Amino acid sequence: MDRSEGEHAQAVRVRRVPRRGGTGCSRKARSDRRGGPVSTLDPATRPQPAAPTAAGAPHPLDNPALSSLTGPHAHFAERRGRILRYPVDVTPWTAHPDVLEAQDWADLAALAGPGGTISLNTLRQEPPKGWEILHRIGGVQLVDVSVVPAPDPEAVRLGPADVPEMLDLVERTRPGPFLPRTVELGTYLGIRRGGALVAMAGERLHPPGWTEITGVCTDESVRGQGLASRLVRAVAYGIRERGETPFLHTSAANTVAIRLYESLGFQLRAHPEFLAALAPVSFPPADGTRRAALR
């Protein structure tokens, strides 16, 4: 929300998504429907999430960057061997297998460049000698189970011409990584006051059947007015209109954001870990020799 995903690393206890069966709407959602329809896609009638995967098959959200870069975002993918990533000016997300082999580490080092930094968001093993973990951030992944989406009359579509203002807002509020081309990943909505951009939210990762809501931030001057909630529901409305399900990530330590998202109808699905690693200046490729990392 208003704190960087990289600001804290401790975990927080939140509710888990039920494994089977439906869930009722949150109290807020029920009261919204009693007061009148706010969306044609309320939780009772909205499209259901993507069908369950076959027994033993990974869920698209288990490795959302890989699901995105081999699916709807394949046109963004930069590939080397089994490693994929987004362009460095789009988002830091990198996709790699759960278990990395020697050649995979060599390909990661080649993409990072000598002594470069690269994200390892689904790493389940310690890196080999020569790699340095810069940070490990405990996170949460939450999915929509009872969000009541609604378009917002004050929200405006943001595009490339708005990027300087978006970067300035992100610098002031630190919601997480937002780069010059992040806006290309999906729909971004903003609210202006006196002509100035004071709040925004948008879309980032796009596994098949799912879209991540990200970049949720509000300027300090307008906090407490419900703008973040309105924008999350407005972005969710567009996602639902496409027949997809919203999900999001945040720091496990960002309890304010987690409480907000839970109140809107999101529930915990997983505890991912966000890592960044420094590649070695040289690395041993699969043939066992040593050479400088290449771009």
C-alpha atoms as a PDB file:
ATOM      1  CA  MET A   1       0.000   0.000   0.000  1.00  0.00           C
ATOM      2  CA  ASP A   2       1.913   3.085   1.221  1.00  0.00           C
ATOM      3  CA  ARG A   3       5.083   1.266   2.310  1.00  0.00           C
ATOM      4  CA  SER A   4       7.663  -0.427   0.143  1.00  0.00           C
ATOM      5  CA  GLU A   5       7.458  -4.192  -0.187  1.00  0.00           C
ATOM      6  CA  GLY A   6      11.135  -4.081   0.701  1.00  0.00           C
ATOM      7  CA  GLU A   7      10.794  -2.001   3.880  1.00  0.00           C
ATOM      8  CA  HIS A   8      10.183  -4.828   6.372  1.00  0.00           C
ATOM      9  CA  ALA A   9      10.846  -8.558   6.552  1.00  0.00           C
ATOM     10  CA  GLN A  10       8.979 -10.010   9.527  1.00  0.00           C
ATOM     11  CA  ALA A  11       5.833 -12.131   9.055  1.00  0.00           C
ATOM     12  CA  VAL A  12       2.319 -11.366  10.242  1.00  0.00           C
ATOM     13  CA  ARG A  13      -0.563 -13.756  10.863  1.00  0.00           C
ATOM     14  CA  VAL A  14      -3.505 -13.313   8.488  1.00  0.00           C
ATOM     15  CA  ARG A  15      -6.480 -15.470   7.531  1.00  0.00           C
ATOM     16  CA  ARG A  16      -6.004 -18.273   5.016  1.00  0.00           C
ATOM     17  CA  VAL A  17      -8.134 -18.877   1.956  1.00  0.00           C
ATOM     18  CA  PRO A  18     -10.486 -21.832   2.496  1.00  0.00           C
ATOM     19  CA  ARG A  19      -9.339 -24.848   0.487  1.00  0.00           C
ATOM     20  CA  ARG A  20     -12.746 -25.672  -0.876  1.00  0.00           C
ATOM     21  CA  GLY A  21     -16.240 -24.294  -0.987  1.00  0.00           C
ATOM     22  CA  GLY A  22     -17.382 -20.696  -1.312  1.00  0.00           C
ATOM     23  CA  THR A  23     -17.011 -17.852   1.123  1.00  0.00           C
ATOM     24  CA  GLY A  24     -19.575 -15.280   2.045  1.00  0.00           C
ATOM     25  CA  CYS A  25     -18.998 -11.623   1.400  1.00  0.00           C
ATOM     26  CA  SER A  26     -17.345  -9.495   4.021  1.00  0.00           C
ATOM     27  CA  ARG A  27     -19.647  -7.355   6.180  1.00  0.00           C
ATOM     28  CA  LYS A  28     -18.766  -4.359   4.064  1.00  0.00           C
ATOM     29  CA  ALA A  29     -19.638  -6.202   0.870  1.00  0.00           C
ATOM     30  CA  ARG A  30     -23.018  -7.349   2.226  1.00  0.00           C
ATOM     31  CA  SER A  31     -23.929  -3.888   3.371  1.00  0.00           C
ATOM     32  CA  ASP A  32     -22.964  -2.458  -0.034  1.00  0.00           C
ATOM     33  CA  ARG A  33     -25.320  -4.842  -1.791  1.00  0.00           C
ATOM     34  CA  ARG A  34     -28.175  -4.123   0.633  1.00  0.00           C
ATOM     35  CA  GLY A  35     -27.719  -0.434  -0.097  1.00  0.00           C
ATOM     36  CA  GLY A  36     -27.931  -0.962  -3.848  1.00  0.00           C
ATOM     37  CA  PRO A  37     -25.878  -2.528  -6.628  1.00  0.00           C
ATOM     38  CA  VAL A  38     -22.353  -1.183  -6.986  1.00  0.00           C
ATOM     39  CA  SER A  39     -21.283  -3.528  -9.781  1.00  0.00           C
ATOM     40  CA  THR A  40     -22.753  -5.948 -12.231  1.00  0.00           C
ATOM     41  CA  LEU A  41     -20.059  -8.364 -11.088  1.00  0.00           C
ATOM     42  CA  ASP A  42     -20.762  -8.854  -7.374  1.00  0.00           C
ATOM     43  CA  PRO A  43     -19.396 -11.931  -5.573  1.00  0.00           C
ATOM     44  CA  ALA A  44     -22.624 -13.872  -6.089  1.00  0.00           C
ATOM     45  CA  THR A  45     -22.549 -13.590  -9.873  1.00  0.00           C
ATOM     46  CA  ARG A  46     -18.936 -12.922 -10.843  1.00  0.00           C
ATOM     47  CA  PRO A  47     -16.953 -15.388 -12.969  1.00  0.00           C
ATOM     48  CA  GLN A  48     -15.288 -18.071 -10.888  1.00  0.00           C
ATOM     49  CA  PRO A  49     -11.469 -18.205 -10.629  1.00  0.00           C
ATOM     50  CA  ALA A  50      -9.568 -20.350 -13.065  1.00  0.00           C
ATOM     51  CA  ALA A  51     -10.369 -24.050 -12.824  1.00  0.00           C
ATOM     52  CA  PRO A  52      -8.234 -26.028 -10.376  1.00  0.00           C
ATOM     53  CA  THR A  53      -5.056 -27.456 -11.796  1.00  0.00           C
ATOM     54  CA  ALA A  54      -4.646 -31.176 -12.296  1.00  0.00           C
ATOM     55  CA  ALA A  55      -3.467 -33.170  -9.300  1.00  0.00           C
ATOM     56  CA  GLY A  56       0.222 -32.426  -8.740  1.00  0.00           C
ATOM     57  CA  ALA A  57       0.305 -29.592 -11.303  1.00  0.00           C
ATOM     58  CA  PRO A  58       1.579 -26.220 -10.039  1.00  0.00           C
ATOM     59  CA  HIS A  59      -0.934 -23.444  -9.548  1.00  0.00           C
ATOM     60  CA  PRO A  60      -0.361 -20.348 -11.757  1.00  0.00           C
ATOM     61  CA  LEU A  61       0.123 -18.224  -8.635  1.00  0.00           C
ATOM     62  CA  ASP A  62       2.817 -20.524  -7.211  1.00  0.00           C
ATOM     63  CA  ASN A  63       5.247 -18.941  -9.682  1.00  0.00           C
ATOM     64  CA  PRO A  64       3.293 -15.930 -10.978  1.00  0.00           C
ATOM     65  CA  ALA A  65       6.162 -14.371 -12.924  1.00  0.00           C
ATOM     66  CA  LEU A  66       6.775 -17.600 -14.827  1.00  0.00           C
ATOM     67  CA  SER A  67       3.040 -18.004 -15.489  1.00  0.00           C
ATOM     68  CA  SER A  68       2.917 -14.419 -16.775  1.00  0.00           C
ATOM     69  CA  LEU A  69       6.043 -14.505 -18.947  1.00  0.00           C
ATOM     70  CA  THR A  70       5.036 -17.796 -20.569  1.00  0.00           C
ATOM     71  CA  GLY A  71       1.420 -16.621 -20.912  1.00  0.00           C
ATOM     72  CA  PRO A  72      -0.206 -13.205 -21.432  1.00  0.00           C
ATOM     73  CA  HIS A  73       3.068 -11.307 -20.908  1.00  0.00           C
ATOM     74  CA  ALA A  74       5.207 -13.501 -23.181  1.00  0.00           C
ATOM     75  CA  HIS A  75       5.900 -10.482 -25.410  1.00  0.00           C
ATOM     76  CA  PHE A  76       7.827  -8.868 -22.529  1.00  0.00           C
ATOM     77  CA  ALA A  77      10.013 -11.910 -21.842  1.00  0.00           C
ATOM     78  CA  GLU A  78      13.789 -11.750 -22.054  1.00  0.00           C
ATOM     79  CA  ARG A  79      15.011 -15.363 -22.000  1.00  0.00           C
ATOM     80  CA  ARG A  80      18.275 -17.118 -21.416  1.00  0.00           C
ATOM     81  CA  GLY A  81      17.968 -20.882 -21.081  1.00  0.00           C
ATOM     82  CA  ARG A  82      15.285 -21.620 -18.488  1.00  0.00           C
ATOM     83  CA  ILE A  83      15.481 -18.096 -17.024  1.00  0.00           C
ATOM     84  CA  LEU A  84      13.009 -15.399 -18.045  1.00  0.00           C
ATOM     85  CA  ARG A  85      12.674 -11.843 -16.871  1.00  0.00           C
ATOM     86  CA  TYR A  86      10.921  -8.612 -17.684  1.00  0.00           C
ATOM     87  CA  PRO A  87      12.982  -5.769 -19.179  1.00  0.00           C
ATOM     88  CA  VAL A  88      14.816  -3.975 -16.389  1.00  0.00           C
ATOM     89  CA  ASP A  89      12.837  -0.758 -16.922  1.00  0.00           C
ATOM     90  CA  VAL A  90       9.473  -2.596 -16.672  1.00  0.00           C
ATOM     91  CA  THR A  91       9.619  -4.574 -13.394  1.00  0.00           C
ATOM     92  CA  PRO A  92      12.311  -6.464 -11.453  1.00  0.00           C
ATOM     93  CA  TRP A  93      10.393  -9.789 -11.514  1.00  0.00           C
ATOM     94  CA  THR A  94      12.446 -12.751 -12.764  1.00  0.00           C
ATOM     95  CA  ALA A  95      11.058 -16.212 -13.531  1.00  0.00           C
ATOM     96  CA  HIS A  96      13.046 -19.366 -12.932  1.00  0.00           C
ATOM     97  CA  PRO A  97      12.474 -23.025 -12.043  1.00  0.00           C
ATOM     98  CA  ASP A  98      11.895 -23.945  -8.404  1.00  0.00           C
ATOM     99  CA  VAL A  99      15.198 -25.852  -8.339  1.00  0.00           C
ATOM    100  CA  LEU A 100      18.101 -24.193 -10.124  1.00  0.00           C
ATOM    101  CA  GLU A 101      20.899 -26.187 -11.746  1.00  0.00           C
ATOM    102  CA  ALA A 102      24.429 -24.997 -12.530  1.00  0.00           C
ATOM    103  CA  GLN A 103      23.464 -23.801 -16.006  1.00  0.00           C
ATOM    104  CA  ASP A 104      20.515 -21.857 -14.572  1.00  0.00           C
ATOM    105  CA  TRP A 105      22.820 -19.986 -12.190  1.00  0.00           C
ATOM    106  CA  ALA A 106      25.135 -19.233 -15.100  1.00  0.00           C
ATOM    107  CA  ASP A 107      22.204 -17.874 -17.103  1.00  0.00           C
ATOM    108  CA  LEU A 108      21.029 -15.766 -14.155  1.00  0.00           C
ATOM    109  CA  ALA A 109      24.515 -14.311 -13.804  1.00  0.00           C
ATOM    110  CA  ALA A 110      24.636 -13.566 -17.527  1.00  0.00           C
ATOM    111  CA  LEU A 111      21.310 -11.712 -17.349  1.00  0.00           C
ATOM    112  CA  ALA A 112      22.356  -9.780 -14.243  1.00  0.00           C
ATOM    113  CA  GLY A 113      25.777  -8.884 -15.634  1.00  0.00           C
ATOM    114  CA  PRO A 114      29.046  -8.987 -13.632  1.00  0.00           C
ATOM    115  CA  GLY A 115      28.232  -7.975 -10.062  1.00  0.00           C
ATOM    116  CA  GLY A 116      24.687  -7.058 -11.087  1.00  0.00           C
ATOM    117  CA  THR A 117      21.506  -7.419  -9.058  1.00  0.00           C
ATOM    118  CA  ILE A 118      18.650  -9.758  -9.958  1.00  0.00           C
ATOM    119  CA  SER A 119      15.449 -10.829  -8.189  1.00  0.00           C
ATOM    120  CA  LEU A 120      14.896 -14.434  -7.092  1.00  0.00           C
ATOM    121  CA  ASN A 121      11.322 -14.395  -5.898  1.00  0.00           C
ATOM    122  CA  THR A 122      10.654 -18.135  -5.888  1.00  0.00           C
ATOM    123  CA  LEU A 123      14.087 -19.363  -4.799  1.00  0.00           C
ATOM    124  CA  ARG A 124      13.904 -22.497  -2.618  1.00  0.00           C
ATOM    125  CA  GLN A 125      17.604 -23.193  -2.215  1.00  0.00           C
ATOM    126  CA  GLU A 126      20.727 -21.387  -1.139  1.00  0.00           C
ATOM    127  CA  PRO A 127      22.685 -19.744  -3.961  1.00  0.00           C
ATOM    128  CA  PRO A 128      26.084 -21.187  -4.915  1.00  0.00           C
ATOM    129  CA  LYS A 129      29.394 -19.720  -3.860  1.00  0.00           C
ATOM    130  CA  GLY A 130      30.010 -16.243  -5.210  1.00  0.00           C
ATOM    131  CA  TRP A 131      26.394 -15.084  -4.989  1.00  0.00           C
ATOM    132  CA  GLU A 132      25.349 -12.645  -2.273  1.00  0.00           C
ATOM    133  CA  ILE A 133      21.768 -12.296  -1.000  1.00  0.00           C
ATOM    134  CA  LEU A 134      21.101  -8.575  -0.617  1.00  0.00           C
ATOM    135  CA  HIS A 135      17.741  -8.928   1.101  1.00  0.00           C
ATOM    136  CA  ARG A 136      15.028 -11.433   1.981  1.00  0.00           C
ATOM    137  CA  ILE A 137      11.596  -9.899   2.474  1.00  0.00           C
ATOM    138  CA  GLY A 138       8.743 -11.910   3.937  1.00  0.00           C
ATOM    139  CA  GLY A 139       5.619 -11.271   1.895  1.00  0.00           C
ATOM    140  CA  VAL A 140       1.987 -12.260   1.569  1.00  0.00           C
ATOM    141  CA  GLN A 141       0.006 -13.170  -1.510  1.00  0.00           C
ATOM    142  CA  LEU A 142      -3.719 -12.454  -1.227  1.00  0.00           C
ATOM    143  CA  VAL A 143      -6.500 -13.394  -3.629  1.00  0.00           C
ATOM    144  CA  ASP A 144      -9.980 -12.014  -4.226  1.00  0.00           C
ATOM    145  CA  VAL A 145     -12.678 -14.120  -2.580  1.00  0.00           C
ATOM    146  CA  SER A 146     -15.399 -11.519  -1.934  1.00  0.00           C
ATOM    147  CA  VAL A 147     -14.327  -8.154  -3.349  1.00  0.00           C
ATOM    148  CA  VAL A 148     -17.204  -5.946  -4.513  1.00  0.00           C
ATOM    149  CA  PRO A 149     -15.711  -4.155  -7.562  1.00  0.00           C
ATOM    150  CA  ALA A 150     -16.963  -0.771  -8.641  1.00  0.00           C
ATOM    151  CA  PRO A 151     -15.854   1.774 -11.251  1.00  0.00           C
ATOM    152  CA  ASP A 152     -14.910   5.113  -9.723  1.00  0.00           C
ATOM    153  CA  PRO A 153     -16.191   8.323 -11.316  1.00  0.00           C
ATOM    154  CA  GLU A 154     -13.167  10.314 -10.141  1.00  0.00           C
ATOM    155  CA  ALA A 155     -10.546   7.825 -11.385  1.00  0.00           C
ATOM    156  CA  VAL A 156      -8.775   8.596 -14.648  1.00  0.00           C
ATOM    157  CA  ARG A 157      -6.743   6.271 -16.874  1.00  0.00           C
ATOM    158  CA  LEU A 158      -3.006   6.897 -16.600  1.00  0.00           C
ATOM    159  CA  GLY A 159      -0.582   6.365 -19.465  1.00  0.00           C
ATOM    160  CA  PRO A 160       2.985   7.048 -20.617  1.00  0.00           C
ATOM    161  CA  ALA A 161       2.489  10.821 -20.476  1.00  0.00           C
ATOM    162  CA  ASP A 162       1.692  10.522 -16.753  1.00  0.00           C
ATOM    163  CA  VAL A 163       4.794   8.485 -15.861  1.00  0.00           C
ATOM    164  CA  PRO A 164       6.827  11.432 -14.453  1.00  0.00           C
ATOM    165  CA  GLU A 165       4.000  12.222 -12.010  1.00  0.00           C
ATOM    166  CA  MET A 166       3.543   8.527 -11.203  1.00  0.00           C
ATOM    167  CA  LEU A 167       7.251   8.127 -10.447  1.00  0.00           C
ATOM    168  CA  ASP A 168       7.133  11.218  -8.239  1.00  0.00           C
ATOM    169  CA  LEU A 169       4.136   9.847  -6.297  1.00  0.00           C
ATOM    170  CA  VAL A 170       5.901   6.490  -5.880  1.00  0.00           C
ATOM    171  CA  GLU A 171       9.042   8.230  -4.625  1.00  0.00           C
ATOM    172  CA  ARG A 172       6.971  10.000  -1.951  1.00  0.00           C
ATOM    173  CA  THR A 173       4.898   6.998  -0.873  1.00  0.00           C
ATOM    174  CA  ARG A 174       7.093   3.929  -1.668  1.00  0.00           C
ATOM    175  CA  PRO A 175       4.435   1.289  -2.476  1.00  0.00           C
ATOM    176  CA  GLY A 176       7.014  -1.004  -4.090  1.00  0.00           C
ATOM    177  CA  PRO A 177       8.914  -1.102  -7.389  1.00  0.00           C
ATOM    178  CA  PHE A 178       7.494   1.134 -10.120  1.00  0.00           C
ATOM    179  CA  LEU A 179       9.716   1.852 -13.108  1.00  0.00           C
ATOM    180  CA  PRO A 180       9.457   4.013 -16.253  1.00  0.00           C
ATOM    181  CA  ARG A 181       7.714   1.277 -18.306  1.00  0.00           C
ATOM    182  CA  THR A 182       5.706  -0.458 -15.556  1.00  0.00           C
ATOM    183  CA  VAL A 183       2.626   1.337 -16.853  1.00  0.00           C
ATOM    184  CA  GLU A 184       2.787  -0.867 -19.974  1.00  0.00           C
ATOM    185  CA  LEU A 185       1.875  -3.973 -17.955  1.00  0.00           C
ATOM    186  CA  GLY A 186      -1.808  -3.129 -17.640  1.00  0.00           C
ATOM    187  CA  THR A 187      -4.403  -0.563 -16.635  1.00  0.00           C
ATOM    188  CA  TYR A 188      -3.394   2.149 -14.162  1.00  0.00           C
ATOM    189  CA  LEU A 189      -5.958   4.458 -12.602  1.00  0.00           C
ATOM    190  CA  GLY A 190      -5.320   7.673 -10.698  1.00  0.00           C
ATOM    191  CA  ILE A 191      -7.138  10.371  -8.793  1.00  0.00           C
ATOM    192  CA  ARG A 192      -6.164  14.010  -9.132  1.00  0.00           C
ATOM    193  CA  ARG A 193      -6.824  16.887  -6.777  1.00  0.00           C
ATOM    194  CA  GLY A 194      -6.151  20.401  -7.991  1.00  0.00           C
ATOM    195  CA  GLY A 195      -4.615  18.874 -11.089  1.00  0.00           C
ATOM    196  CA  ALA A 196      -1.999  16.928  -9.107  1.00  0.00           C
ATOM    197  CA  LEU A 197      -1.859  13.128  -9.012  1.00  0.00           C
ATOM    198  CA  VAL A 198      -2.491  12.124  -5.385  1.00  0.00           C
ATOM    199  CA  ALA A 199      -3.438   8.433  -5.592  1.00  0.00           C
ATOM    200  CA  MET A 200      -3.065   5.523  -7.997  1.00  0.00           C
ATOM    201  CA  ALA A 201      -3.309   1.762  -8.418  1.00  0.00           C
ATOM    202  CA  GLY A 202      -2.822  -0.556 -11.366  1.00  0.00           C
ATOM    203  CA  GLU A 203      -1.984  -3.976 -12.799  1.00  0.00           C
ATOM    204  CA  ARG A 204       1.317  -5.840 -12.959  1.00  0.00           C
ATOM    205  CA  LEU A 205       1.732  -9.640 -13.204  1.00  0.00           C
ATOM    206  CA  HIS A 206      -0.769 -11.443 -15.432  1.00  0.00           C
ATOM    207  CA  PRO A 207      -0.876 -15.232 -15.037  1.00  0.00           C
ATOM    208  CA  PRO A 208      -3.610 -16.863 -17.152  1.00  0.00           C
ATOM    209  CA  GLY A 209      -6.962 -16.120 -15.517  1.00  0.00           C
ATOM    210  CA  TRP A 210      -5.456 -13.779 -12.896  1.00  0.00           C
ATOM    211  CA  THR A 211      -4.216 -10.183 -12.711  1.00  0.00           C
ATOM    212  CA  GLU A 212      -2.144  -8.654  -9.925  1.00  0.00           C
ATOM    213  CA  ILE A 213      -3.192  -5.316  -8.433  1.00  0.00           C
ATOM    214  CA  THR A 214      -0.136  -3.239  -7.548  1.00  0.00           C
ATOM    215  CA  GLY A 215       1.223   0.260  -7.089  1.00  0.00           C
ATOM    216  CA  VAL A 216      -1.493   1.178  -4.576  1.00  0.00           C
ATOM    217  CA  CYS A 217      -0.467   4.493  -3.021  1.00  0.00           C
ATOM    218  CA  THR A 218      -1.899   7.765  -1.778  1.00  0.00           C
ATOM    219  CA  ASP A 219      -0.198  11.054  -1.035  1.00  0.00           C
ATOM    220  CA  GLU A 220       0.042  11.923   2.649  1.00  0.00           C
ATOM    221  CA  SER A 221      -2.167  14.981   2.094  1.00  0.00           C
ATOM    222  CA  VAL A 222      -5.201  12.841   1.173  1.00  0.00           C
ATOM    223  CA  ARG A 223      -4.790   9.752   3.351  1.00  0.00           C
ATOM    224  CA  GLY A 224      -7.770   8.674   5.384  1.00  0.00           C
ATOM    225  CA  GLN A 225     -10.239   9.563   2.618  1.00  0.00           C
ATOM    226  CA  GLY A 226     -10.663   6.023   1.282  1.00  0.00           C
ATOM    227  CA  LEU A 227      -8.933   6.678  -2.040  1.00  0.00           C
ATOM    228  CA  ALA A 228      -6.859   3.483  -1.906  1.00  0.00           C
ATOM    229  CA  SER A 229      -9.968   1.354  -1.332  1.00  0.00           C
ATOM    230  CA  ARG A 230     -11.808   3.072  -4.168  1.00  0.00           C
ATOM    231  CA  LEU A 231      -8.950   2.560  -6.608  1.00  0.00           C
ATOM    232  CA  VAL A 232      -8.453  -1.101  -5.673  1.00  0.00           C
ATOM    233  CA  ARG A 233     -12.151  -1.734  -6.280  1.00  0.00           C
ATOM    234  CA  ALA A 234     -12.006   0.202  -9.562  1.00  0.00           C
ATOM    235  CA  VAL A 235      -8.990  -1.762 -10.847  1.00  0.00           C
ATOM    236  CA  ALA A 236     -10.666  -4.983  -9.685  1.00  0.00           C
ATOM    237  CA  TYR A 237     -13.741  -4.002 -11.682  1.00  0.00           C
ATOM    238  CA  GLY A 238     -11.751  -3.918 -14.917  1.00  0.00           C
ATOM    239  CA  ILE A 239     -10.100  -7.249 -14.102  1.00  0.00           C
ATOM    240  CA  ARG A 240     -13.442  -8.892 -13.362  1.00  0.00           C
ATOM    241  CA  GLU A 241     -14.918  -7.474 -16.573  1.00  0.00           C
ATOM    242  CA  ARG A 242     -12.297  -9.523 -18.434  1.00  0.00           C
ATOM    243  CA  GLY A 243     -13.448 -12.634 -16.558  1.00  0.00           C
ATOM    244  CA  GLU A 244     -10.247 -12.762 -14.469  1.00  0.00           C
ATOM    245  CA  THR A 245      -9.568 -12.795 -10.727  1.00  0.00           C
ATOM    246  CA  PRO A 246      -7.539 -10.124  -8.888  1.00  0.00           C
ATOM    247  CA  PHE A 247      -4.672 -10.968  -6.549  1.00  0.00           C
ATOM    248  CA  LEU A 248      -1.906  -8.940  -4.953  1.00  0.00           C
ATOM    249  CA  HIS A 249       1.337  -9.024  -2.992  1.00  0.00           C
ATOM    250  CA  THR A 250       2.582  -6.911  -0.125  1.00  0.00           C
ATOM    251  CA  SER A 251       5.119  -7.066   2.687  1.00  0.00           C
ATOM    252  CA  ALA A 252       4.077  -9.335   5.543  1.00  0.00           C
ATOM    253  CA  ALA A 253       5.033  -6.486   7.864  1.00  0.00           C
ATOM    254  CA  ASN A 254       2.662  -4.018   6.201  1.00  0.00           C
ATOM    255  CA  THR A 255      -0.238  -4.753   8.525  1.00  0.00           C
ATOM    256  CA  VAL A 256      -2.093  -1.573   7.551  1.00  0.00           C
ATOM    257  CA  ALA A 257      -2.256  -2.665   3.912  1.00  0.00           C
ATOM    258  CA  ILE A 258      -3.150  -6.244   4.838  1.00  0.00           C
ATOM    259  CA  ARG A 259      -6.060  -5.076   7.004  1.00  0.00           C
ATOM    260  CA  LEU A 260      -7.295  -2.873   4.162  1.00  0.00           C
ATOM    261  CA  TYR A 261      -7.138  -5.685   1.617  1.00  0.00           C
ATOM    262  CA  GLU A 262      -8.857  -8.127   3.952  1.00  0.00           C
ATOM    263  CA  SER A 263     -11.638  -5.601   4.574  1.00  0.00           C
ATOM    264  CA  LEU A 264     -12.143  -5.354   0.806  1.00  0.00           C
ATOM    265  CA  GLY A 265     -12.509  -9.135   0.406  1.00  0.00           C
ATOM    266  CA  PHE A 266      -8.986 -10.455  -0.172  1.00  0.00           C
ATOM    267  CA  GLN A 267      -7.662 -13.417   1.800  1.00  0.00           C
ATOM    268  CA  LEU A 268      -4.261 -14.980   2.289  1.00  0.00           C
ATOM    269  CA  ARG A 269      -3.152 -17.634  -0.184  1.00  0.00           C
ATOM    270  CA  ALA A 270       0.611 -17.903   0.358  1.00  0.00           C
ATOM    271  CA  HIS A 271       3.684 -16.492   2.105  1.00  0.00           C
ATOM    272  CA  PRO A 272       6.141 -15.773  -0.736  1.00  0.00           C
ATOM    273  CA  GLU A 273       9.624 -14.480  -0.085  1.00  0.00           C
ATOM    274  CA  PHE A 274      11.031 -11.596  -2.086  1.00  0.00           C
ATOM    275  CA  LEU A 275      14.786 -11.829  -2.624  1.00  0.00           C
ATOM    276  CA  ALA A 276      17.412  -9.827  -4.443  1.00  0.00           C
ATOM    277  CA  ALA A 277      20.863 -11.267  -5.094  1.00  0.00           C
ATOM    278  CA  LEU A 278      24.174  -9.885  -6.270  1.00  0.00           C
ATOM    279  CA  ALA A 279      25.698 -11.959  -9.072  1.00  0.00           C
ATOM    280  CA  PRO A 280      29.401 -12.878  -8.964  1.00  0.00           C
ATOM    281  CA  VAL A 281      31.840 -10.996 -11.138  1.00  0.00           C
ATOM    282  CA  SER A 282      32.664 -14.357 -12.721  1.00  0.00           C
ATOM    283  CA  PHE A 283      30.843 -17.657 -12.611  1.00  0.00           C
ATOM    284  CA  PRO A 284      31.451 -21.334 -13.368  1.00  0.00           C
ATOM    285  CA  PRO A 285      29.377 -22.394 -16.398  1.00  0.00           C
ATOM    286  CA  ALA A 286      28.132 -25.919 -16.981  1.00  0.00           C
ATOM    287  CA  ASP A 287      31.505 -27.051 -18.387  1.00  0.00           C
ATOM    288  CA  GLY A 288      33.238 -26.229 -15.093  1.00  0.00           C
ATOM    289  CA  THR A 289      35.526 -23.488 -16.458  1.00  0.00           C
ATOM    290  CA  ARG A 290      35.367 -19.943 -15.138  1.00  0.00           C
ATOM    291  CA  ARG A 291      34.711 -16.859 -17.198  1.00  0.00           C
ATOM    292  CA  ALA A 292      33.428 -13.350 -16.756  1.00  0.00           C
ATOM    293  CA  ALA A 293      29.673 -12.973 -16.818  1.00  0.00           C
ATOM    294  CA  LEU A 294      28.340 -11.654 -20.117  1.00  0.00           C
ATOM    295  CA  ARG A 295      25.306  -9.504 -20.748  1.00  0.00           C
END
